[in-house]
Amino acid sequence: MIQVTIPLIPTAQGGPLIPADQVTALLRRIAVDWVHSVDTGEMAADAGTVQNLAEVLSELADSIDVECIAFTSVPDRQPRAWE
């Protein structure tokens, strides 16, 4: 089982933010851990199903990365409501 520490950043409105790179790293780590657990017999599950789920997590992480890159790459972006 993996253990990770993710920093939470408080917002002015009182809600927590999690750095996107930490979220994507966590998603990828979970995907790898699932596949490894099935490969080693630690988790009894259908290998194909686990592989598909791991791919979904990896694709989600990729999508978050792309959105963050796009967001930070726009030089004259309008401020968001939470900024």
N, C-alpha and C. Protein backbone atom coordinates (compact mmCIF):
# COMPACT_ATOMS: atom_id res chain seq x y z
N MET A 1 0.84 -1.17 0.00
CA MET A 1 0.00 0.00 0.00
C MET A 1 0.89 1.24 0.00
N ILE A 2 0.49 2.24 -0.80
CA ILE A 2 1.27 3.46 -0.88
C ILE A 2 0.80 4.46 0.17
N GLN A 3 1.72 5.29 0.59
CA GLN A 3 1.39 6.39 1.48
C GLN A 3 2.01 7.64 0.89
N VAL A 4 1.19 8.68 0.76
CA VAL A 4 1.68 9.93 0.21
C VAL A 4 1.21 11.08 1.08
N THR A 5 1.96 12.14 1.03
CA THR A 5 1.59 13.36 1.73
C THR A 5 1.36 14.42 0.67
N ILE A 6 0.20 15.03 0.69
CA ILE A 6 -0.12 16.07 -0.28
C ILE A 6 -0.37 17.37 0.48
N PRO A 7 0.36 18.42 0.10
CA PRO A 7 0.15 19.70 0.79
C PRO A 7 -1.18 20.34 0.39
N LEU A 8 -1.85 20.91 1.35
CA LEU A 8 -3.09 21.64 1.09
C LEU A 8 -2.79 23.12 1.26
N ILE A 9 -3.28 23.91 0.32
CA ILE A 9 -3.07 25.35 0.34
C ILE A 9 -4.42 26.00 0.63
N PRO A 10 -4.53 26.77 1.71
CA PRO A 10 -5.82 27.39 2.01
C PRO A 10 -6.09 28.57 1.06
N THR A 11 -7.35 28.72 0.66
CA THR A 11 -7.74 29.84 -0.19
C THR A 11 -8.30 30.96 0.68
N ALA A 12 -8.47 32.13 0.08
CA ALA A 12 -9.05 33.26 0.80
C ALA A 12 -10.49 32.97 1.22
N GLN A 13 -11.16 32.09 0.47
CA GLN A 13 -12.54 31.74 0.79
C GLN A 13 -12.61 30.62 1.83
N GLY A 14 -11.49 30.10 2.27
CA GLY A 14 -11.47 29.08 3.31
C GLY A 14 -11.39 27.65 2.82
N GLY A 15 -11.48 27.42 1.53
CA GLY A 15 -11.39 26.07 0.99
C GLY A 15 -9.94 25.68 0.72
N PRO A 16 -9.67 24.39 0.66
CA PRO A 16 -8.30 23.95 0.38
C PRO A 16 -8.06 23.75 -1.12
N LEU A 17 -6.84 24.02 -1.54
CA LEU A 17 -6.39 23.72 -2.89
C LEU A 17 -5.30 22.67 -2.80
N ILE A 18 -5.23 21.82 -3.78
CA ILE A 18 -4.17 20.82 -3.86
C ILE A 18 -3.40 21.11 -5.14
N PRO A 19 -2.07 21.22 -5.08
CA PRO A 19 -1.30 21.48 -6.29
C PRO A 19 -1.56 20.41 -7.35
N ALA A 20 -1.81 20.84 -8.57
CA ALA A 20 -2.17 19.94 -9.66
C ALA A 20 -1.10 18.88 -9.90
N ASP A 21 0.18 19.25 -9.78
CA ASP A 21 1.23 18.26 -10.02
C ASP A 21 1.19 17.15 -8.98
N GLN A 22 0.75 17.47 -7.78
CA GLN A 22 0.60 16.46 -6.74
C GLN A 22 -0.57 15.53 -7.05
N VAL A 23 -1.65 16.11 -7.57
CA VAL A 23 -2.83 15.30 -7.92
C VAL A 23 -2.48 14.34 -9.05
N THR A 24 -1.83 14.85 -10.11
CA THR A 24 -1.50 13.99 -11.24
C THR A 24 -0.49 12.92 -10.85
N ALA A 25 0.46 13.27 -9.99
CA ALA A 25 1.42 12.27 -9.52
C ALA A 25 0.71 11.18 -8.72
N LEU A 26 -0.25 11.58 -7.90
CA LEU A 26 -1.01 10.60 -7.11
C LEU A 26 -1.81 9.67 -8.02
N LEU A 27 -2.49 10.23 -9.01
CA LEU A 27 -3.27 9.40 -9.94
C LEU A 27 -2.37 8.39 -10.65
N ARG A 28 -1.21 8.84 -11.11
CA ARG A 28 -0.29 7.93 -11.80
C ARG A 28 0.27 6.87 -10.85
N ARG A 29 0.54 7.27 -9.63
CA ARG A 29 1.07 6.33 -8.64
C ARG A 29 0.05 5.25 -8.30
N ILE A 30 -1.20 5.64 -8.16
CA ILE A 30 -2.26 4.67 -7.90
C ILE A 30 -2.37 3.68 -9.05
N ALA A 31 -2.34 4.20 -10.28
CA ALA A 31 -2.43 3.33 -11.46
C ALA A 31 -1.30 2.30 -11.47
N VAL A 32 -0.08 2.75 -11.23
CA VAL A 32 1.07 1.84 -11.21
C VAL A 32 0.95 0.84 -10.07
N ASP A 33 0.48 1.30 -8.91
CA ASP A 33 0.34 0.42 -7.76
C ASP A 33 -0.71 -0.66 -8.01
N TRP A 34 -1.82 -0.31 -8.66
CA TRP A 34 -2.84 -1.30 -8.99
C TRP A 34 -2.27 -2.40 -9.88
N VAL A 35 -1.60 -1.98 -10.95
CA VAL A 35 -1.04 -2.95 -11.90
C VAL A 35 -0.01 -3.83 -11.21
N HIS A 36 0.84 -3.23 -10.40
CA HIS A 36 1.87 -3.99 -9.67
C HIS A 36 1.22 -4.99 -8.71
N SER A 37 0.17 -4.57 -8.03
CA SER A 37 -0.51 -5.45 -7.07
C SER A 37 -1.12 -6.67 -7.76
N VAL A 38 -1.66 -6.46 -8.95
CA VAL A 38 -2.21 -7.60 -9.70
C VAL A 38 -1.09 -8.49 -10.20
N ASP A 39 -0.02 -7.88 -10.72
CA ASP A 39 1.11 -8.65 -11.25
C ASP A 39 1.77 -9.53 -10.19
N THR A 40 1.84 -9.04 -8.96
CA THR A 40 2.49 -9.79 -7.88
C THR A 40 1.54 -10.72 -7.14
N GLY A 41 0.24 -10.65 -7.48
CA GLY A 41 -0.74 -11.49 -6.80
C GLY A 41 -1.23 -10.91 -5.49
N GLU A 42 -0.81 -9.72 -5.16
CA GLU A 42 -1.23 -9.06 -3.92
C GLU A 42 -2.72 -8.71 -3.96
N MET A 43 -3.22 -8.43 -5.17
CA MET A 43 -4.63 -8.10 -5.34
C MET A 43 -5.22 -9.10 -6.33
N ALA A 44 -6.30 -9.73 -5.91
CA ALA A 44 -6.97 -10.70 -6.78
C ALA A 44 -8.02 -9.97 -7.59
N ALA A 45 -7.68 -9.64 -8.82
CA ALA A 45 -8.61 -8.95 -9.71
C ALA A 45 -8.26 -9.31 -11.14
N ASP A 46 -9.19 -9.08 -12.03
CA ASP A 46 -8.97 -9.34 -13.44
C ASP A 46 -7.91 -8.36 -13.96
N ALA A 47 -6.82 -8.89 -14.49
CA ALA A 47 -5.70 -8.06 -14.94
C ALA A 47 -6.12 -7.09 -16.03
N GLY A 48 -6.98 -7.53 -16.93
CA GLY A 48 -7.43 -6.64 -18.00
C GLY A 48 -8.24 -5.47 -17.49
N THR A 49 -9.11 -5.74 -16.53
CA THR A 49 -9.92 -4.68 -15.94
C THR A 49 -9.04 -3.68 -15.19
N VAL A 50 -8.10 -4.19 -14.42
CA VAL A 50 -7.19 -3.32 -13.68
C VAL A 50 -6.36 -2.47 -14.64
N GLN A 51 -5.89 -3.08 -15.72
CA GLN A 51 -5.10 -2.34 -16.71
C GLN A 51 -5.95 -1.22 -17.33
N ASN A 52 -7.20 -1.53 -17.64
CA ASN A 52 -8.09 -0.50 -18.20
C ASN A 52 -8.33 0.63 -17.21
N LEU A 53 -8.55 0.28 -15.96
CA LEU A 53 -8.75 1.32 -14.94
C LEU A 53 -7.49 2.15 -14.74
N ALA A 54 -6.34 1.51 -14.77
CA ALA A 54 -5.07 2.22 -14.64
C ALA A 54 -4.88 3.19 -15.81
N GLU A 55 -5.27 2.76 -17.00
CA GLU A 55 -5.16 3.64 -18.17
C GLU A 55 -6.08 4.85 -18.04
N VAL A 56 -7.27 4.64 -17.49
CA VAL A 56 -8.20 5.76 -17.28
C VAL A 56 -7.59 6.77 -16.31
N LEU A 57 -6.98 6.29 -15.23
CA LEU A 57 -6.34 7.21 -14.28
C LEU A 57 -5.20 7.97 -14.94
N SER A 58 -4.41 7.28 -15.74
CA SER A 58 -3.29 7.92 -16.43
C SER A 58 -3.79 8.97 -17.42
N GLU A 59 -4.85 8.64 -18.15
CA GLU A 59 -5.43 9.60 -19.10
C GLU A 59 -5.99 10.82 -18.38
N LEU A 60 -6.60 10.60 -17.22
CA LEU A 60 -7.12 11.72 -16.42
C LEU A 60 -5.96 12.61 -15.98
N ALA A 61 -4.88 12.01 -15.52
CA ALA A 61 -3.71 12.77 -15.11
C ALA A 61 -3.16 13.58 -16.29
N ASP A 62 -3.08 12.95 -17.47
CA ASP A 62 -2.62 13.66 -18.67
C ASP A 62 -3.53 14.84 -18.99
N SER A 63 -4.83 14.63 -18.89
CA SER A 63 -5.80 15.68 -19.18
C SER A 63 -5.64 16.86 -18.22
N ILE A 64 -5.45 16.57 -16.95
CA ILE A 64 -5.23 17.64 -15.96
C ILE A 64 -3.95 18.40 -16.29
N ASP A 65 -2.89 17.69 -16.64
CA ASP A 65 -1.64 18.33 -17.02
C ASP A 65 -1.84 19.27 -18.21
N VAL A 66 -2.55 18.79 -19.23
CA VAL A 66 -2.78 19.61 -20.43
C VAL A 66 -3.58 20.86 -20.09
N GLU A 67 -4.62 20.69 -19.28
CA GLU A 67 -5.43 21.85 -18.89
C GLU A 67 -4.61 22.87 -18.10
N CYS A 68 -3.75 22.39 -17.22
CA CYS A 68 -2.92 23.30 -16.43
C CYS A 68 -1.90 24.02 -17.31
N ILE A 69 -1.32 23.30 -18.25
CA ILE A 69 -0.37 23.92 -19.17
C ILE A 69 -1.09 24.99 -20.00
N ALA A 70 -2.26 24.67 -20.49
CA ALA A 70 -3.02 25.64 -21.28
C ALA A 70 -3.38 26.86 -20.44
N PHE A 71 -3.78 26.63 -19.22
CA PHE A 71 -4.18 27.72 -18.33
C PHE A 71 -3.02 28.66 -18.04
N THR A 72 -1.87 28.10 -17.77
CA THR A 72 -0.71 28.93 -17.42
C THR A 72 -0.01 29.50 -18.64
N SER A 73 -0.35 29.04 -19.84
CA SER A 73 0.30 29.51 -21.06
C SER A 73 -0.40 30.70 -21.70
N VAL A 74 -1.61 31.02 -21.26
CA VAL A 74 -2.35 32.14 -21.85
C VAL A 74 -1.88 33.42 -21.17
N PRO A 75 -1.19 34.31 -21.90
CA PRO A 75 -0.61 35.49 -21.27
C PRO A 75 -1.63 36.53 -20.78
N ASP A 76 -2.70 36.74 -21.51
CA ASP A 76 -3.66 37.78 -21.14
C ASP A 76 -4.99 37.18 -20.71
N ARG A 77 -4.94 36.16 -19.87
CA ARG A 77 -6.16 35.50 -19.45
C ARG A 77 -6.93 36.39 -18.47
N GLN A 78 -8.22 36.22 -18.46
CA GLN A 78 -9.07 36.94 -17.53
C GLN A 78 -9.02 36.24 -16.18
N PRO A 79 -9.00 37.00 -15.08
CA PRO A 79 -8.98 36.36 -13.75
C PRO A 79 -10.23 35.51 -13.53
N ARG A 80 -10.07 34.39 -12.88
CA ARG A 80 -11.20 33.53 -12.53
C ARG A 80 -11.89 34.08 -11.30
N ALA A 81 -13.10 33.63 -11.05
CA ALA A 81 -13.87 34.11 -9.91
C ALA A 81 -13.18 33.85 -8.58
N TRP A 82 -12.38 32.78 -8.50
CA TRP A 82 -11.74 32.43 -7.24
C TRP A 82 -10.40 33.14 -7.05
N GLU A 83 -9.95 33.89 -8.03
CA GLU A 83 -8.67 34.59 -7.89
C GLU A 83 -8.85 35.95 -7.29
